[in-house]
Amino acid sequence: MCARMSRLFAALKWLLGVWMTVVIVAAFFYAPAAQNLGQMSRIIYFHIPAAWVSVLAFAVCTAYSVRYLGNRRTQDDAAASFSAELGLLFCVIATVSGSIFAKATWGSYWNWDPRETSIFVLLLIYGAYFALRSSVDDPARRGSLAAVYGVLAFITVPLLVFVAPRIPAVQSLHPDGPILATGGGLDMDRRMMTVFISSLIGFTGLYGWVFSLRLRTWRFITALANRQEG
């Protein structure tokens, strides 16, 4: 059974590698540039999927945090922590790629636009999650405090990502319209849509693979440590 799972895991890994390679090539050579942004529009194929995965990872962190509060299993606490790590990583990727886009479009890497400000606050919130974990030595207490914080922290995610930047009274430089539409209409070019959806799938798969790998490694190290203690 373990050997079969290992072969399946390896096959999925190679499939994901091929998928992401095709997505990267297609983003630069297959999808046309957006009419209103030119070649810089290609960064959207990486910026938006990274932002999406960060939200997904934080949601998974919350789910495992709730599970830990219900059963106090160490594995659930570890899984919540691993997902939060990946969420923070992809959030940084989204922030950096957004800053590059801002420099090319507005002439400045950072101007405290509402979306930039909200994602900066989100980085601080989940940075504090790891600061909390590192400040508590007792594993049980650390898991409980981190789980409660993880649940409360996720309440801010939809507010900061979807609500705050769209408050009518707030002026934002970040485009809300169909920036990948070649003709300025509501319909995205078919090739752009294909690459964009493929990128979303690829980034989601990348998150799932790294998360699974991280958790498998933790299980192996934990089992090895328990065997040595026994």
Protein backbone atom coordinates (compact mmCIF):
# COMPACT_ATOMS: atom_id res chain seq x y z
CA MET A 1 0.00 0.00 0.00
CA CYS A 2 2.79 2.42 0.93
CA ALA A 3 4.71 1.55 -2.22
CA ARG A 4 1.62 2.17 -4.34
CA MET A 5 1.04 5.55 -2.68
CA SER A 6 4.69 6.47 -3.23
CA ARG A 7 4.44 5.68 -6.93
CA LEU A 8 1.22 7.68 -7.22
CA PHE A 9 2.81 10.59 -5.38
CA ALA A 10 5.83 10.49 -7.70
CA ALA A 11 3.60 10.36 -10.81
CA LEU A 12 1.57 13.35 -9.63
CA LYS A 13 4.78 15.22 -8.89
CA TRP A 14 6.04 14.77 -12.44
CA LEU A 15 2.62 15.61 -13.89
CA LEU A 16 2.53 18.81 -11.85
CA GLY A 17 6.04 19.70 -13.02
CA VAL A 18 5.05 19.28 -16.67
CA TRP A 19 1.81 21.20 -16.10
CA MET A 20 3.56 24.18 -14.52
CA THR A 21 6.23 24.20 -17.24
CA VAL A 22 3.55 24.35 -19.93
CA VAL A 23 1.70 27.11 -18.02
CA ILE A 24 4.85 29.25 -17.74
CA VAL A 25 5.69 28.83 -21.43
CA ALA A 26 2.09 29.51 -22.44
CA ALA A 27 1.91 32.63 -20.27
CA PHE A 28 4.76 34.19 -22.24
CA PHE A 29 4.37 32.73 -25.72
CA TYR A 30 0.78 31.53 -26.20
CA ALA A 31 -1.47 34.07 -24.46
CA PRO A 32 -1.57 37.50 -26.15
CA ALA A 33 -0.75 40.65 -24.23
CA ALA A 34 -3.67 42.66 -22.88
CA GLN A 35 -4.45 45.73 -24.95
CA ASN A 36 -4.43 48.16 -22.03
CA LEU A 37 -1.37 46.79 -20.19
CA GLY A 38 0.89 45.29 -22.82
CA GLN A 39 3.45 42.67 -21.86
CA MET A 40 3.15 43.51 -18.16
CA SER A 41 -0.27 41.85 -18.17
CA ARG A 42 1.48 38.47 -18.16
CA ILE A 43 2.33 38.86 -14.49
CA ILE A 44 -1.37 38.38 -13.73
CA TYR A 45 -1.00 34.67 -14.52
CA PHE A 46 1.20 34.39 -11.44
CA HIS A 47 0.01 37.23 -9.21
CA ILE A 48 -3.66 36.26 -8.94
CA PRO A 49 -3.06 32.49 -8.54
CA ALA A 50 -0.54 33.22 -5.76
CA ALA A 51 -3.09 35.42 -4.00
CA TRP A 52 -5.75 32.72 -4.42
CA VAL A 53 -3.50 30.02 -2.97
CA SER A 54 -2.65 32.20 0.04
CA VAL A 55 -6.38 32.50 0.83
CA LEU A 56 -6.82 28.74 0.31
CA ALA A 57 -3.85 27.94 2.56
CA PHE A 58 -5.12 30.19 5.34
CA ALA A 59 -8.54 28.53 5.05
CA VAL A 60 -6.93 25.08 5.38
CA CYS A 61 -4.97 26.35 8.39
CA THR A 62 -8.26 27.39 9.96
CA ALA A 63 -9.86 24.02 9.25
CA TYR A 64 -6.99 22.14 10.90
CA SER A 65 -7.01 24.60 13.80
CA VAL A 66 -10.69 23.83 14.42
CA ARG A 67 -9.92 20.11 14.25
CA TYR A 68 -7.10 20.50 16.74
CA LEU A 69 -9.36 22.30 19.20
CA GLY A 70 -11.76 19.37 18.92
CA ASN A 71 -9.36 16.43 19.22
CA ARG A 72 -5.98 17.85 20.37
CA ARG A 73 -4.08 15.76 17.83
CA THR A 74 -0.52 16.96 17.33
CA GLN A 75 -0.72 16.18 13.61
CA ASP A 76 -3.57 18.65 13.14
CA ASP A 77 -1.58 21.38 14.88
CA ALA A 78 1.39 20.62 12.64
CA ALA A 79 -0.79 20.64 9.53
CA ALA A 80 -2.28 24.02 10.50
CA SER A 81 1.21 25.41 10.94
CA PHE A 82 2.45 24.02 7.62
CA SER A 83 -0.53 25.44 5.73
CA ALA A 84 -0.03 28.84 7.37
CA GLU A 85 3.63 28.74 6.30
CA LEU A 86 2.65 28.15 2.70
CA GLY A 87 -0.07 30.78 2.91
CA LEU A 88 2.45 33.32 4.13
CA LEU A 89 4.90 32.32 1.39
CA PHE A 90 2.34 32.69 -1.41
CA CYS A 91 1.14 35.94 0.15
CA VAL A 92 4.71 37.26 -0.11
CA ILE A 93 4.84 36.10 -3.75
CA ALA A 94 1.58 37.92 -4.46
CA THR A 95 2.91 41.04 -2.73
CA VAL A 96 6.20 41.06 -4.62
CA SER A 97 4.59 40.38 -8.00
CA GLY A 98 2.02 43.08 -7.28
CA SER A 99 4.79 45.53 -6.45
CA ILE A 100 6.52 44.76 -9.76
CA PHE A 101 3.22 45.36 -11.54
CA ALA A 102 2.76 48.65 -9.64
CA LYS A 103 6.23 49.85 -10.61
CA ALA A 104 5.60 49.21 -14.30
CA THR A 105 2.08 50.65 -14.24
CA TRP A 106 2.18 53.51 -11.73
CA GLY A 107 5.93 54.20 -11.47
CA SER A 108 6.32 53.13 -7.85
CA TYR A 109 6.84 49.76 -6.19
CA TRP A 110 4.77 50.79 -3.18
CA ASN A 111 2.33 53.65 -2.69
CA TRP A 112 0.08 52.35 0.11
CA ASP A 113 -2.77 51.69 -2.26
CA PRO A 114 -5.70 50.09 -0.34
CA ARG A 115 -4.90 46.64 -1.76
CA GLU A 116 -1.22 46.99 -0.93
CA THR A 117 -2.09 48.15 2.57
CA SER A 118 -4.56 45.33 3.16
CA ILE A 119 -2.13 42.62 2.02
CA PHE A 120 0.59 44.19 4.20
CA VAL A 121 -1.75 43.96 7.21
CA LEU A 122 -2.47 40.33 6.29
CA LEU A 123 1.26 39.59 6.26
CA LEU A 124 1.57 41.13 9.72
CA ILE A 125 -1.36 39.10 11.07
CA TYR A 126 0.05 35.77 9.96
CA GLY A 127 3.58 36.80 10.83
CA ALA A 128 2.25 37.27 14.37
CA TYR A 129 0.87 33.71 14.18
CA PHE A 130 4.40 32.35 13.94
CA ALA A 131 5.68 34.80 16.52
CA LEU A 132 3.07 33.37 18.89
CA ARG A 133 4.09 29.80 18.13
CA SER A 134 7.77 30.53 18.69
CA SER A 135 7.10 32.26 22.02
CA VAL A 136 5.38 29.29 23.71
CA ASP A 137 7.48 26.26 24.69
CA ASP A 138 4.78 23.87 25.90
CA PRO A 139 3.47 21.99 22.81
CA ALA A 140 -0.10 21.59 24.10
CA ARG A 141 -0.44 25.21 25.13
CA ARG A 142 1.24 26.38 21.93
CA GLY A 143 -1.16 24.31 19.84
CA SER A 144 -4.22 25.63 21.65
CA LEU A 145 -3.20 29.28 21.47
CA ALA A 146 -2.13 28.98 17.83
CA ALA A 147 -5.38 27.23 16.91
CA VAL A 148 -7.52 29.94 18.49
CA TYR A 149 -5.43 32.64 16.86
CA GLY A 150 -5.59 30.83 13.49
CA VAL A 151 -9.38 30.75 13.59
CA LEU A 152 -9.66 34.41 14.59
CA ALA A 153 -7.01 35.48 12.05
CA PHE A 154 -8.94 33.97 9.15
CA ILE A 155 -11.91 36.23 9.92
CA THR A 156 -9.77 39.09 8.63
CA VAL A 157 -8.85 37.35 5.37
CA PRO A 158 -12.08 37.95 3.40
CA LEU A 159 -12.33 41.44 4.90
CA LEU A 160 -8.81 42.41 3.86
CA VAL A 161 -8.73 40.60 0.52
CA PHE A 162 -12.24 41.13 -0.82
CA VAL A 163 -14.04 43.83 1.21
CA ALA A 164 -11.67 46.59 2.35
CA PRO A 165 -10.14 47.38 -1.09
CA ARG A 166 -13.62 47.70 -2.61
CA ILE A 167 -15.12 50.17 -0.12
CA PRO A 168 -16.67 52.87 -2.34
CA ALA A 169 -15.13 55.70 -0.31
CA VAL A 170 -11.63 54.24 -0.77
CA GLN A 171 -9.71 55.26 -3.89
CA SER A 172 -7.61 52.43 -5.30
CA LEU A 173 -5.16 52.37 -8.16
CA HIS A 174 -5.57 48.62 -8.41
CA PRO A 175 -7.71 47.72 -11.43
CA ASP A 176 -11.02 46.01 -10.69
CA GLY A 177 -12.05 45.57 -14.30
CA PRO A 178 -11.23 42.85 -16.84
CA ILE A 179 -7.56 43.77 -17.26
CA LEU A 180 -6.89 40.69 -19.37
CA ALA A 181 -9.55 41.50 -21.91
CA THR A 182 -7.86 42.34 -25.20
CA GLY A 183 -10.70 44.48 -26.44
CA GLY A 184 -11.62 46.17 -23.19
CA GLY A 185 -14.90 44.25 -22.92
CA LEU A 186 -16.10 41.88 -20.24
CA ASP A 187 -15.01 38.73 -22.06
CA MET A 188 -11.46 37.53 -21.57
CA ASP A 189 -9.63 36.32 -24.65
CA ARG A 190 -10.00 32.55 -24.98
CA ARG A 191 -6.25 31.91 -24.91
CA MET A 192 -5.84 34.17 -21.90
CA MET A 193 -8.66 32.40 -20.09
CA THR A 194 -7.13 29.00 -20.84
CA VAL A 195 -3.73 30.01 -19.46
CA PHE A 196 -5.26 31.80 -16.48
CA ILE A 197 -7.44 28.84 -15.40
CA SER A 198 -4.53 26.45 -16.01
CA SER A 199 -2.33 28.60 -13.81
CA LEU A 200 -4.93 28.60 -11.03
CA ILE A 201 -5.10 24.82 -11.21
CA GLY A 202 -1.30 24.52 -11.31
CA PHE A 203 -0.73 26.81 -8.33
CA THR A 204 -3.39 24.98 -6.36
CA GLY A 205 -1.75 21.67 -7.19
CA LEU A 206 1.64 23.08 -6.23
CA TYR A 207 0.27 24.08 -2.84
CA GLY A 208 -1.30 20.64 -2.35
CA TRP A 209 1.92 18.85 -3.29
CA VAL A 210 4.20 20.94 -1.05
CA PHE A 211 1.73 20.71 1.84
CA SER A 212 1.49 16.94 1.46
CA LEU A 213 5.28 16.64 1.22
CA ARG A 214 5.73 18.77 4.35
CA LEU A 215 3.24 16.69 6.29
CA ARG A 216 4.73 13.39 5.11
CA THR A 217 8.18 14.56 6.19
CA TRP A 218 6.83 15.55 9.60
CA ARG A 219 5.23 12.12 10.05
CA PHE A 220 8.48 10.38 9.11
CA ILE A 221 10.56 12.48 11.52
CA THR A 222 8.01 12.03 14.31
CA ALA A 223 7.85 8.25 13.80
CA LEU A 224 11.65 8.06 13.76
CA ALA A 225 11.90 10.08 16.98
CA ASN A 226 9.28 7.90 18.70
CA ARG A 227 11.14 4.75 17.61
CA GLN A 228 14.41 6.06 19.04
CA GLU A 229 12.74 7.00 22.32
CA GLY A 230 11.11 3.58 22.54
